[in-house]
């Protein structure tokens, strides 16, 4: 099944385990308007889409169903970089342990 904006918006809220009322309040809109966005009765403007992305911590491409990666390539690249740093640190720690053992 292909994702769509209303289902994605609703799923993000449910994943955060919050009510429509709370999400609407924190997003600066009425609960009724959020309900309309989540059931597809109305389409939001760009301003709301940007706020929703920030609020849920996802990219616009994800919330607009252009990708299935909520964090986008930037997050994936950052995680790969962190993994590389951990590998280097592990190697450095191993070398230090060998050096300390030789004394």
PDB file of N, CA and C in Angstrom:
ATOM      1  N   UNK A   1       0.834  -1.187   0.000  1.00  0.00           N
ATOM      2  CA  UNK A   1       0.000   0.000   0.000  1.00  0.00           C
ATOM      3  C   UNK A   1       0.880   1.253   0.000  1.00  0.00           C
ATOM      4  N   UNK A   2       0.571   2.171  -0.841  1.00  0.00           N
ATOM      5  CA  UNK A   2       1.336   3.402  -0.945  1.00  0.00           C
ATOM      6  C   UNK A   2       0.879   4.387   0.134  1.00  0.00           C
ATOM      7  N   UNK A   3       1.860   5.032   0.768  1.00  0.00           N
ATOM      8  CA  UNK A   3       1.543   6.019   1.797  1.00  0.00           C
ATOM      9  C   UNK A   3       0.981   7.284   1.162  1.00  0.00           C
ATOM     10  N   UNK A   4       0.217   8.033   1.953  1.00  0.00           N
ATOM     11  CA  UNK A   4      -0.231   9.353   1.516  1.00  0.00           C
ATOM     12  C   UNK A   4      -0.071  10.321   2.688  1.00  0.00           C
ATOM     13  N   UNK A   5      -0.179  11.612   2.397  1.00  0.00           N
ATOM     14  CA  UNK A   5       0.056  12.621   3.420  1.00  0.00           C
ATOM     15  C   UNK A   5      -0.852  12.465   4.641  1.00  0.00           C
ATOM     16  N   UNK A   6      -2.176  12.353   4.469  1.00  0.00           N
ATOM     17  CA  UNK A   6      -3.035  12.244   5.656  1.00  0.00           C
ATOM     18  C   UNK A   6      -2.676  11.052   6.547  1.00  0.00           C
ATOM     19  N   UNK A   7      -2.449   9.889   5.942  1.00  0.00           N
ATOM     20  CA  UNK A   7      -2.100   8.704   6.739  1.00  0.00           C
ATOM     21  C   UNK A   7      -0.756   8.873   7.426  1.00  0.00           C
ATOM     22  N   UNK A   8       0.198   9.478   6.741  1.00  0.00           N
ATOM     23  CA  UNK A   8       1.524   9.691   7.323  1.00  0.00           C
ATOM     24  C   UNK A   8       1.438  10.648   8.498  1.00  0.00           C
ATOM     25  N   UNK A   9       0.699  11.736   8.331  1.00  0.00           N
ATOM     26  CA  UNK A   9       0.541  12.712   9.406  1.00  0.00           C
ATOM     27  C   UNK A   9      -0.097  12.067  10.632  1.00  0.00           C
ATOM     28  N   UNK A  10      -1.124  11.295  10.410  1.00  0.00           N
ATOM     29  CA  UNK A  10      -1.814  10.610  11.500  1.00  0.00           C
ATOM     30  C   UNK A  10      -0.897   9.574  12.170  1.00  0.00           C
ATOM     31  N   UNK A  11      -0.163   8.827  11.366  1.00  0.00           N
ATOM     32  CA  UNK A  11       0.737   7.803  11.910  1.00  0.00           C
ATOM     33  C   UNK A  11       1.847   8.431  12.756  1.00  0.00           C
ATOM     34  N   UNK A  12       2.381   9.553  12.306  1.00  0.00           N
ATOM     35  CA  UNK A  12       3.430  10.231  13.076  1.00  0.00           C
ATOM     36  C   UNK A  12       2.903  10.656  14.445  1.00  0.00           C
ATOM     37  N   UNK A  13       1.686  11.150  14.480  1.00  0.00           N
ATOM     38  CA  UNK A  13       1.092  11.552  15.756  1.00  0.00           C
ATOM     39  C   UNK A  13       0.887  10.347  16.664  1.00  0.00           C
ATOM     40  N   UNK A  14       0.381   9.268  16.097  1.00  0.00           N
ATOM     41  CA  UNK A  14       0.149   8.057  16.903  1.00  0.00           C
ATOM     42  C   UNK A  14       1.465   7.461  17.406  1.00  0.00           C
ATOM     43  N   UNK A  15       2.517   7.514  16.569  1.00  0.00           N
ATOM     44  CA  UNK A  15       3.825   7.006  16.998  1.00  0.00           C
ATOM     45  C   UNK A  15       4.352   7.808  18.183  1.00  0.00           C
ATOM     46  N   UNK A  16       4.025   9.074  18.215  1.00  0.00           N
ATOM     47  CA  UNK A  16       4.439   9.946  19.312  1.00  0.00           C
ATOM     48  C   UNK A  16       3.535   9.753  20.529  1.00  0.00           C
ATOM     49  N   UNK A  17       2.463   8.973  20.338  1.00  0.00           N
ATOM     50  CA  UNK A  17       1.513   8.629  21.389  1.00  0.00           C
ATOM     51  C   UNK A  17       0.863   9.866  22.009  1.00  0.00           C
ATOM     52  N   UNK A  18       0.396  10.755  21.148  1.00  0.00           N
ATOM     53  CA  UNK A  18      -0.280  11.955  21.639  1.00  0.00           C
ATOM     54  C   UNK A  18      -1.638  12.102  20.954  1.00  0.00           C
ATOM     55  N   UNK A  19      -2.505  12.822  21.599  1.00  0.00           N
ATOM     56  CA  UNK A  19      -3.855  13.032  21.070  1.00  0.00           C
ATOM     57  C   UNK A  19      -3.831  14.085  19.967  1.00  0.00           C
ATOM     58  N   UNK A  20      -4.894  14.098  19.185  1.00  0.00           N
ATOM     59  CA  UNK A  20      -5.043  15.146  18.175  1.00  0.00           C
ATOM     60  C   UNK A  20      -5.074  16.512  18.852  1.00  0.00           C
ATOM     61  N   UNK A  21      -5.757  16.588  19.977  1.00  0.00           N
ATOM     62  CA  UNK A  21      -5.883  17.858  20.693  1.00  0.00           C
ATOM     63  C   UNK A  21      -4.506  18.398  21.082  1.00  0.00           C
ATOM     64  N   UNK A  22      -3.659  17.537  21.643  1.00  0.00           N
ATOM     65  CA  UNK A  22      -2.323  17.970  22.058  1.00  0.00           C
ATOM     66  C   UNK A  22      -1.473  18.359  20.855  1.00  0.00           C
ATOM     67  N   UNK A  23      -1.473  17.526  19.823  1.00  0.00           N
ATOM     68  CA  UNK A  23      -0.673  17.822  18.634  1.00  0.00           C
ATOM     69  C   UNK A  23      -1.128  19.127  17.996  1.00  0.00           C
ATOM     70  N   UNK A  24      -2.436  19.306  17.875  1.00  0.00           N
ATOM     71  CA  UNK A  24      -2.960  20.528  17.266  1.00  0.00           C
ATOM     72  C   UNK A  24      -2.524  21.753  18.053  1.00  0.00           C
ATOM     73  N   UNK A  25      -2.628  21.666  19.357  1.00  0.00           N
ATOM     74  CA  UNK A  25      -2.233  22.786  20.208  1.00  0.00           C
ATOM     75  C   UNK A  25      -0.760  23.122  20.018  1.00  0.00           C
ATOM     76  N   UNK A  26       0.081  22.103  20.012  1.00  0.00           N
ATOM     77  CA  UNK A  26       1.526  22.311  19.880  1.00  0.00           C
ATOM     78  C   UNK A  26       1.918  22.745  18.464  1.00  0.00           C
ATOM     79  N   UNK A  27       1.082  22.428  17.488  1.00  0.00           N
ATOM     80  CA  UNK A  27       1.327  22.852  16.110  1.00  0.00           C
ATOM     81  C   UNK A  27       0.678  24.202  15.788  1.00  0.00           C
ATOM     82  N   UNK A  28      -0.082  24.732  16.737  1.00  0.00           N
ATOM     83  CA  UNK A  28      -0.680  26.052  16.557  1.00  0.00           C
ATOM     84  C   UNK A  28      -1.907  26.093  15.672  1.00  0.00           C
ATOM     85  N   UNK A  29      -2.657  24.986  15.641  1.00  0.00           N
ATOM     86  CA  UNK A  29      -3.901  24.932  14.859  1.00  0.00           C
ATOM     87  C   UNK A  29      -4.995  24.318  15.724  1.00  0.00           C
ATOM     88  N   UNK A  30      -6.219  24.360  15.247  1.00  0.00           N
ATOM     89  CA  UNK A  30      -7.323  23.746  15.990  1.00  0.00           C
ATOM     90  C   UNK A  30      -7.309  22.229  15.788  1.00  0.00           C
ATOM     91  N   UNK A  31      -7.938  21.548  16.742  1.00  0.00           N
ATOM     92  CA  UNK A  31      -8.059  20.096  16.610  1.00  0.00           C
ATOM     93  C   UNK A  31      -8.875  19.736  15.375  1.00  0.00           C
ATOM     94  N   UNK A  32      -9.902  20.521  15.098  1.00  0.00           N
ATOM     95  CA  UNK A  32     -10.751  20.248  13.927  1.00  0.00           C
ATOM     96  C   UNK A  32      -9.939  20.334  12.638  1.00  0.00           C
ATOM     97  N   UNK A  33      -9.060  21.347  12.555  1.00  0.00           N
ATOM     98  CA  UNK A  33      -8.246  21.483  11.342  1.00  0.00           C
ATOM     99  C   UNK A  33      -7.273  20.320  11.210  1.00  0.00           C
ATOM    100  N   UNK A  34      -6.652  19.923  12.326  1.00  0.00           N
ATOM    101  CA  UNK A  34      -5.743  18.770  12.265  1.00  0.00           C
ATOM    102  C   UNK A  34      -6.503  17.520  11.839  1.00  0.00           C
ATOM    103  N   UNK A  35      -7.706  17.369  12.343  1.00  0.00           N
ATOM    104  CA  UNK A  35      -8.529  16.225  11.937  1.00  0.00           C
ATOM    105  C   UNK A  35      -8.788  16.251  10.433  1.00  0.00           C
ATOM    106  N   UNK A  36      -9.075  17.421   9.895  1.00  0.00           N
ATOM    107  CA  UNK A  36      -9.288  17.544   8.448  1.00  0.00           C
ATOM    108  C   UNK A  36      -8.028  17.167   7.669  1.00  0.00           C
ATOM    109  N   UNK A  37      -6.861  17.585   8.164  1.00  0.00           N
ATOM    110  CA  UNK A  37      -5.603  17.222   7.499  1.00  0.00           C
ATOM    111  C   UNK A  37      -5.384  15.712   7.554  1.00  0.00           C
ATOM    112  N   UNK A  38      -5.666  15.112   8.726  1.00  0.00           N
ATOM    113  CA  UNK A  38      -5.420  13.679   8.914  1.00  0.00           C
ATOM    114  C   UNK A  38      -6.412  12.798   8.156  1.00  0.00           C
ATOM    115  N   UNK A  39      -7.613  13.312   7.882  1.00  0.00           N
ATOM    116  CA  UNK A  39      -8.565  12.476   7.140  1.00  0.00           C
ATOM    117  C   UNK A  39      -8.638  12.858   5.663  1.00  0.00           C
ATOM    118  N   UNK A  40      -7.807  13.814   5.254  1.00  0.00           N
ATOM    119  CA  UNK A  40      -7.718  14.165   3.842  1.00  0.00           C
ATOM    120  C   UNK A  40      -8.789  15.116   3.350  1.00  0.00           C
ATOM    121  N   UNK A  41      -9.588  15.687   4.261  1.00  0.00           N
ATOM    122  CA  UNK A  41     -10.646  16.604   3.848  1.00  0.00           C
ATOM    123  C   UNK A  41     -10.081  17.960   3.412  1.00  0.00           C
ATOM    124  N   UNK A  42      -8.904  18.315   3.945  1.00  0.00           N
ATOM    125  CA  UNK A  42      -8.253  19.578   3.582  1.00  0.00           C
ATOM    126  C   UNK A  42      -6.770  19.328   3.409  1.00  0.00           C
ATOM    127  N   UNK A  43      -6.146  20.159   2.595  1.00  0.00           N
ATOM    128  CA  UNK A  43      -4.700  20.083   2.397  1.00  0.00           C
ATOM    129  C   UNK A  43      -4.049  21.280   3.076  1.00  0.00           C
ATOM    130  N   UNK A  44      -2.978  21.045   3.820  1.00  0.00           N
ATOM    131  CA  UNK A  44      -2.330  22.144   4.534  1.00  0.00           C
ATOM    132  C   UNK A  44      -1.445  22.976   3.610  1.00  0.00           C
ATOM    133  N   UNK A  45      -1.121  24.156   4.088  1.00  0.00           N
ATOM    134  CA  UNK A  45      -0.179  24.997   3.374  1.00  0.00           C
ATOM    135  C   UNK A  45       1.252  24.632   3.741  1.00  0.00           C
ATOM    136  N   UNK A  46       2.170  25.234   3.048  1.00  0.00           N
ATOM    137  CA  UNK A  46       3.598  24.972   3.258  1.00  0.00           C
ATOM    138  C   UNK A  46       4.034  25.294   4.683  1.00  0.00           C
ATOM    139  N   UNK A  47       3.491  26.364   5.251  1.00  0.00           N
ATOM    140  CA  UNK A  47       3.859  26.760   6.602  1.00  0.00           C
ATOM    141  C   UNK A  47       3.579  25.635   7.600  1.00  0.00           C
ATOM    142  N   UNK A  48       2.390  25.023   7.499  1.00  0.00           N
ATOM    143  CA  UNK A  48       2.048  23.922   8.390  1.00  0.00           C
ATOM    144  C   UNK A  48       2.937  22.711   8.141  1.00  0.00           C
ATOM    145  N   UNK A  49       3.178  22.395   6.884  1.00  0.00           N
ATOM    146  CA  UNK A  49       4.024  21.238   6.560  1.00  0.00           C
ATOM    147  C   UNK A  49       5.399  21.404   7.207  1.00  0.00           C
ATOM    148  N   UNK A  50       5.967  22.596   7.130  1.00  0.00           N
ATOM    149  CA  UNK A  50       7.280  22.858   7.753  1.00  0.00           C
ATOM    150  C   UNK A  50       7.211  22.684   9.266  1.00  0.00           C
ATOM    151  N   UNK A  51       6.157  23.214   9.900  1.00  0.00           N
ATOM    152  CA  UNK A  51       6.012  23.060  11.357  1.00  0.00           C
ATOM    153  C   UNK A  51       5.856  21.593  11.735  1.00  0.00           C
ATOM    154  N   UNK A  52       5.073  20.855  10.955  1.00  0.00           N
ATOM    155  CA  UNK A  52       4.858  19.437  11.238  1.00  0.00           C
ATOM    156  C   UNK A  52       6.173  18.657  11.099  1.00  0.00           C
ATOM    157  N   UNK A  53       6.967  18.977  10.096  1.00  0.00           N
ATOM    158  CA  UNK A  53       8.264  18.304   9.931  1.00  0.00           C
ATOM    159  C   UNK A  53       9.153  18.541  11.142  1.00  0.00           C
ATOM    160  N   UNK A  54       9.218  19.782  11.587  1.00  0.00           N
ATOM    161  CA  UNK A  54      10.023  20.099  12.774  1.00  0.00           C
ATOM    162  C   UNK A  54       9.468  19.399  14.011  1.00  0.00           C
ATOM    163  N   UNK A  55       8.169  19.430  14.159  1.00  0.00           N
ATOM    164  CA  UNK A  55       7.511  18.846  15.326  1.00  0.00           C
ATOM    165  C   UNK A  55       7.740  17.340  15.415  1.00  0.00           C
ATOM    166  N   UNK A  56       7.612  16.657  14.290  1.00  0.00           N
ATOM    167  CA  UNK A  56       7.759  15.199  14.289  1.00  0.00           C
ATOM    168  C   UNK A  56       9.187  14.737  13.988  1.00  0.00           C
ATOM    169  N   UNK A  57      10.063  15.667  13.653  1.00  0.00           N
ATOM    170  CA  UNK A  57      11.458  15.309  13.403  1.00  0.00           C
ATOM    171  C   UNK A  57      11.667  14.509  12.131  1.00  0.00           C
ATOM    172  N   UNK A  58      10.930  14.849  11.099  1.00  0.00           N
ATOM    173  CA  UNK A  58      11.059  14.154   9.819  1.00  0.00           C
ATOM    174  C   UNK A  58      11.314  15.173   8.710  1.00  0.00           C
ATOM    175  N   UNK A  59      11.725  14.684   7.568  1.00  0.00           N
ATOM    176  CA  UNK A  59      11.950  15.570   6.426  1.00  0.00           C
ATOM    177  C   UNK A  59      10.635  15.840   5.701  1.00  0.00           C
ATOM    178  N   UNK A  60      10.626  16.909   4.933  1.00  0.00           N
ATOM    179  CA  UNK A  60       9.453  17.215   4.107  1.00  0.00           C
ATOM    180  C   UNK A  60       9.230  16.117   3.086  1.00  0.00           C
ATOM    181  N   UNK A  61      10.312  15.565   2.539  1.00  0.00           N
ATOM    182  CA  UNK A  61      10.158  14.470   1.577  1.00  0.00           C
ATOM    183  C   UNK A  61       9.439  13.283   2.210  1.00  0.00           C
ATOM    184  N   UNK A  62       9.695  13.017   3.485  1.00  0.00           N
ATOM    185  CA  UNK A  62       9.033  11.901   4.143  1.00  0.00           C
ATOM    186  C   UNK A  62       7.551  12.201   4.362  1.00  0.00           C
ATOM    187  N   UNK A  63       7.262  13.359   4.949  1.00  0.00           N
ATOM    188  CA  UNK A  63       5.865  13.669   5.279  1.00  0.00           C
ATOM    189  C   UNK A  63       5.019  13.825   4.016  1.00  0.00           C
ATOM    190  N   UNK A  64       5.673  14.220   2.906  1.00  0.00           N
ATOM    191  CA  UNK A  64       4.961  14.348   1.629  1.00  0.00           C
ATOM    192  C   UNK A  64       5.015  13.063   0.801  1.00  0.00           C
ATOM    193  N   UNK A  65       5.542  11.994   1.396  1.00  0.00           N
ATOM    194  CA  UNK A  65       5.561  10.647   0.811  1.00  0.00           C
ATOM    195  C   UNK A  65       6.440  10.544  -0.432  1.00  0.00           C
ATOM    196  N   UNK A  66       7.490  11.339  -0.479  1.00  0.00           N
ATOM    197  CA  UNK A  66       8.431  11.258  -1.596  1.00  0.00           C
ATOM    198  C   UNK A  66       9.575  10.296  -1.291  1.00  0.00           C
ATOM    199  N   UNK A  67       9.690   9.885  -0.012  1.00  0.00           N
ATOM    200  CA  UNK A  67      10.685   8.908   0.399  1.00  0.00           C
ATOM    201  C   UNK A  67      10.140   8.142   1.594  1.00  0.00           C
ATOM    202  N   UNK A  68      10.680   6.966   1.837  1.00  0.00           N
ATOM    203  CA  UNK A  68      10.293   6.183   3.010  1.00  0.00           C
ATOM    204  C   UNK A  68      11.279   6.353   4.157  1.00  0.00           C
ATOM    205  N   UNK A  69      12.268   7.227   3.977  1.00  0.00           N
ATOM    206  CA  UNK A  69      13.285   7.481   4.999  1.00  0.00           C
ATOM    207  C   UNK A  69      12.916   8.739   5.771  1.00  0.00           C
ATOM    208  N   UNK A  70      12.427   8.591   7.018  1.00  0.00           N
ATOM    209  CA  UNK A  70      11.980   9.765   7.762  1.00  0.00           C
ATOM    210  C   UNK A  70      13.077  10.788   8.041  1.00  0.00           C
ATOM    211  N   UNK A  71      14.329  10.325   8.114  1.00  0.00           N
ATOM    212  CA  UNK A  71      15.426  11.231   8.426  1.00  0.00           C
ATOM    213  C   UNK A  71      16.130  11.785   7.217  1.00  0.00           C
ATOM    214  N   UNK A  72      15.863  11.216   6.085  1.00  0.00           N
ATOM    215  CA  UNK A  72      16.521  11.684   4.874  1.00  0.00           C
ATOM    216  C   UNK A  72      17.969  11.249   4.798  1.00  0.00           C
ATOM    217  N   UNK A  73      18.596  11.600   3.714  1.00  0.00           N
ATOM    218  CA  UNK A  73      19.978  11.203   3.480  1.00  0.00           C
ATOM    219  C   UNK A  73      20.930  11.836   4.479  1.00  0.00           C
ATOM    220  N   UNK A  74      20.637  13.027   4.955  1.00  0.00           N
ATOM    221  CA  UNK A  74      21.523  13.712   5.886  1.00  0.00           C
ATOM    222  C   UNK A  74      21.680  12.919   7.168  1.00  0.00           C
ATOM    223  N   UNK A  75      20.586  12.417   7.686  1.00  0.00           N
ATOM    224  CA  UNK A  75      20.648  11.632   8.909  1.00  0.00           C
ATOM    225  C   UNK A  75      21.400  10.331   8.661  1.00  0.00           C
ATOM    226  N   UNK A  76      21.130   9.706   7.537  1.00  0.00           N
ATOM    227  CA  UNK A  76      21.838   8.465   7.210  1.00  0.00           C
ATOM    228  C   UNK A  76      23.336   8.696   7.075  1.00  0.00           C
ATOM    229  N   UNK A  77      23.717   9.789   6.443  1.00  0.00           N
ATOM    230  CA  UNK A  77      25.139  10.124   6.296  1.00  0.00           C
ATOM    231  C   UNK A  77      25.757  10.413   7.654  1.00  0.00           C
ATOM    232  N   UNK A  78      25.032  11.103   8.507  1.00  0.00           N
ATOM    233  CA  UNK A  78      25.550  11.414   9.849  1.00  0.00           C
ATOM    234  C   UNK A  78      25.763  10.134  10.655  1.00  0.00           C
ATOM    235  N   UNK A  79      24.826   9.197  10.560  1.00  0.00           N
ATOM    236  CA  UNK A  79      24.972   7.931  11.284  1.00  0.00           C
ATOM    237  C   UNK A  79      26.171   7.147  10.761  1.00  0.00           C
ATOM    238  N   UNK A  80      26.364   7.140   9.455  1.00  0.00           N
ATOM    239  CA  UNK A  80      27.517   6.448   8.874  1.00  0.00           C
ATOM    240  C   UNK A  80      28.811   7.088   9.349  1.00  0.00           C
ATOM    241  N   UNK A  81      28.847   8.409   9.419  1.00  0.00           N
ATOM    242  CA  UNK A  81      30.028   9.122   9.888  1.00  0.00           C
ATOM    243  C   UNK A  81      30.316   8.790  11.355  1.00  0.00           C
ATOM    244  N   UNK A  82      29.281   8.751  12.164  1.00  0.00           N
ATOM    245  CA  UNK A  82      29.452   8.394  13.578  1.00  0.00           C
ATOM    246  C   UNK A  82      29.985   6.978  13.710  1.00  0.00           C
ATOM    247  N   UNK A  83      29.493   6.064  12.890  1.00  0.00           N
ATOM    248  CA  UNK A  83      30.006   4.688  12.909  1.00  0.00           C
ATOM    249  C   UNK A  83      31.486   4.652  12.557  1.00  0.00           C
ATOM    250  N   UNK A  84      31.890   5.471  11.576  1.00  0.00           N
ATOM    251  CA  UNK A  84      33.308   5.537  11.206  1.00  0.00           C
ATOM    252  C   UNK A  84      34.141   6.077  12.355  1.00  0.00           C
ATOM    253  N   UNK A  85      33.647   7.084  13.035  1.00  0.00           N
ATOM    254  CA  UNK A  85      34.370   7.653  14.178  1.00  0.00           C
ATOM    255  C   UNK A  85      34.513   6.610  15.281  1.00  0.00           C
ATOM    256  N   UNK A  86      33.459   5.853  15.538  1.00  0.00           N
ATOM    257  CA  UNK A  86      33.522   4.801  16.569  1.00  0.00           C
ATOM    258  C   UNK A  86      34.582   3.759  16.214  1.00  0.00           C
ATOM    259  N   UNK A  87      34.659   3.403  14.929  1.00  0.00           N
ATOM    260  CA  UNK A  87      35.666   2.438  14.490  1.00  0.00           C
ATOM    261  C   UNK A  87      37.070   2.972  14.740  1.00  0.00           C
ATOM    262  N   UNK A  88      37.290   4.226  14.394  1.00  0.00           N
ATOM    263  CA  UNK A  88      38.606   4.843  14.616  1.00  0.00           C
ATOM    264  C   UNK A  88      38.927   4.895  16.102  1.00  0.00           C
ATOM    265  N   UNK A  89      37.956   5.260  16.919  1.00  0.00           N
ATOM    266  CA  UNK A  89      38.186   5.323  18.365  1.00  0.00           C
ATOM    267  C   UNK A  89      38.480   3.941  18.949  1.00  0.00           C
ATOM    268  N   UNK A  90      37.775   2.928  18.468  1.00  0.00           N
ATOM    269  CA  UNK A  90      38.042   1.561  18.928  1.00  0.00           C
ATOM    270  C   UNK A  90      39.467   1.141  18.579  1.00  0.00           C
ATOM    271  N   UNK A  91      39.901   1.462  17.360  1.00  0.00           N
ATOM    272  CA  UNK A  91      41.271   1.134  16.956  1.00  0.00           C
ATOM    273  C   UNK A  91      42.287   1.889  17.791  1.00  0.00           C
ATOM    274  N   UNK A  92      42.017   3.160  18.049  1.00  0.00           N
ATOM    275  CA  UNK A  92      42.933   3.976  18.852  1.00  0.00           C
ATOM    276  C   UNK A  92      43.028   3.423  20.270  1.00  0.00           C
ATOM    277  N   UNK A  93      41.904   3.016  20.828  1.00  0.00           N
ATOM    278  CA  UNK A  93      41.899   2.445  22.173  1.00  0.00           C
ATOM    279  C   UNK A  93      42.705   1.143  22.202  1.00  0.00           C
ATOM    280  N   UNK A  94      42.564   0.341  21.165  1.00  0.00           N
ATOM    281  CA  UNK A  94      43.317  -0.906  21.078  1.00  0.00           C
ATOM    282  C   UNK A  94      44.824  -0.642  21.022  1.00  0.00           C
ATOM    283  N   UNK A  95      45.225   0.347  20.232  1.00  0.00           N
ATOM    284  CA  UNK A  95      46.644   0.702  20.124  1.00  0.00           C
ATOM    285  C   UNK A  95      47.152   1.206  21.467  1.00  0.00           C
ATOM    286  N   UNK A  96      46.370   2.035  22.143  1.00  0.00           N
ATOM    287  CA  UNK A  96      46.782   2.538  23.453  1.00  0.00           C
ATOM    288  C   UNK A  96      46.921   1.408  24.462  1.00  0.00           C
ATOM    289  N   UNK A  97      45.996   0.451  24.423  1.00  0.00           N
ATOM    290  CA  UNK A  97      46.080  -0.693  25.324  1.00  0.00           C
ATOM    291  C   UNK A  97      47.343  -1.490  25.048  1.00  0.00           C
ATOM    292  N   UNK A  98      47.687  -1.689  23.778  1.00  0.00           N
ATOM    293  CA  UNK A  98      48.919  -2.411  23.432  1.00  0.00           C
ATOM    294  C   UNK A  98      50.126  -1.630  23.904  1.00  0.00           C
ATOM    295  N   UNK A  99      50.113  -0.329  23.714  1.00  0.00           N
ATOM    296  CA  UNK A  99      51.230   0.520  24.115  1.00  0.00           C
ATOM    297  C   UNK A  99      51.406   0.482  25.626  1.00  0.00           C
ATOM    298  N   UNK A 100      50.323   0.570  26.372  1.00  0.00           N
ATOM    299  CA  UNK A 100      50.395   0.533  27.834  1.00  0.00           C
ATOM    300  C   UNK A 100      50.842  -0.822  28.329  1.00  0.00           C
ATOM    301  N   UNK A 101      50.517  -1.870  27.620  1.00  0.00           N
ATOM    302  CA  UNK A 101      50.919  -3.217  28.008  1.00  0.00           C
ATOM    303  C   UNK A 101      52.399  -3.474  27.777  1.00  0.00           C
ATOM    304  N   UNK A 102      53.036  -2.716  26.882  1.00  0.00           N
ATOM    305  CA  UNK A 102      54.453  -2.919  26.569  1.00  0.00           C
ATOM    306  C   UNK A 102      55.352  -2.256  27.597  1.00  0.00           C
ATOM    307  N   UNK A 103      54.843  -1.320  28.377  1.00  0.00           N
ATOM    308  CA  UNK A 103      55.685  -0.619  29.333  1.00  0.00           C
ATOM    309  C   UNK A 103      56.015  -1.445  30.534  1.00  0.00           C
TER     310      UNK A 103
END
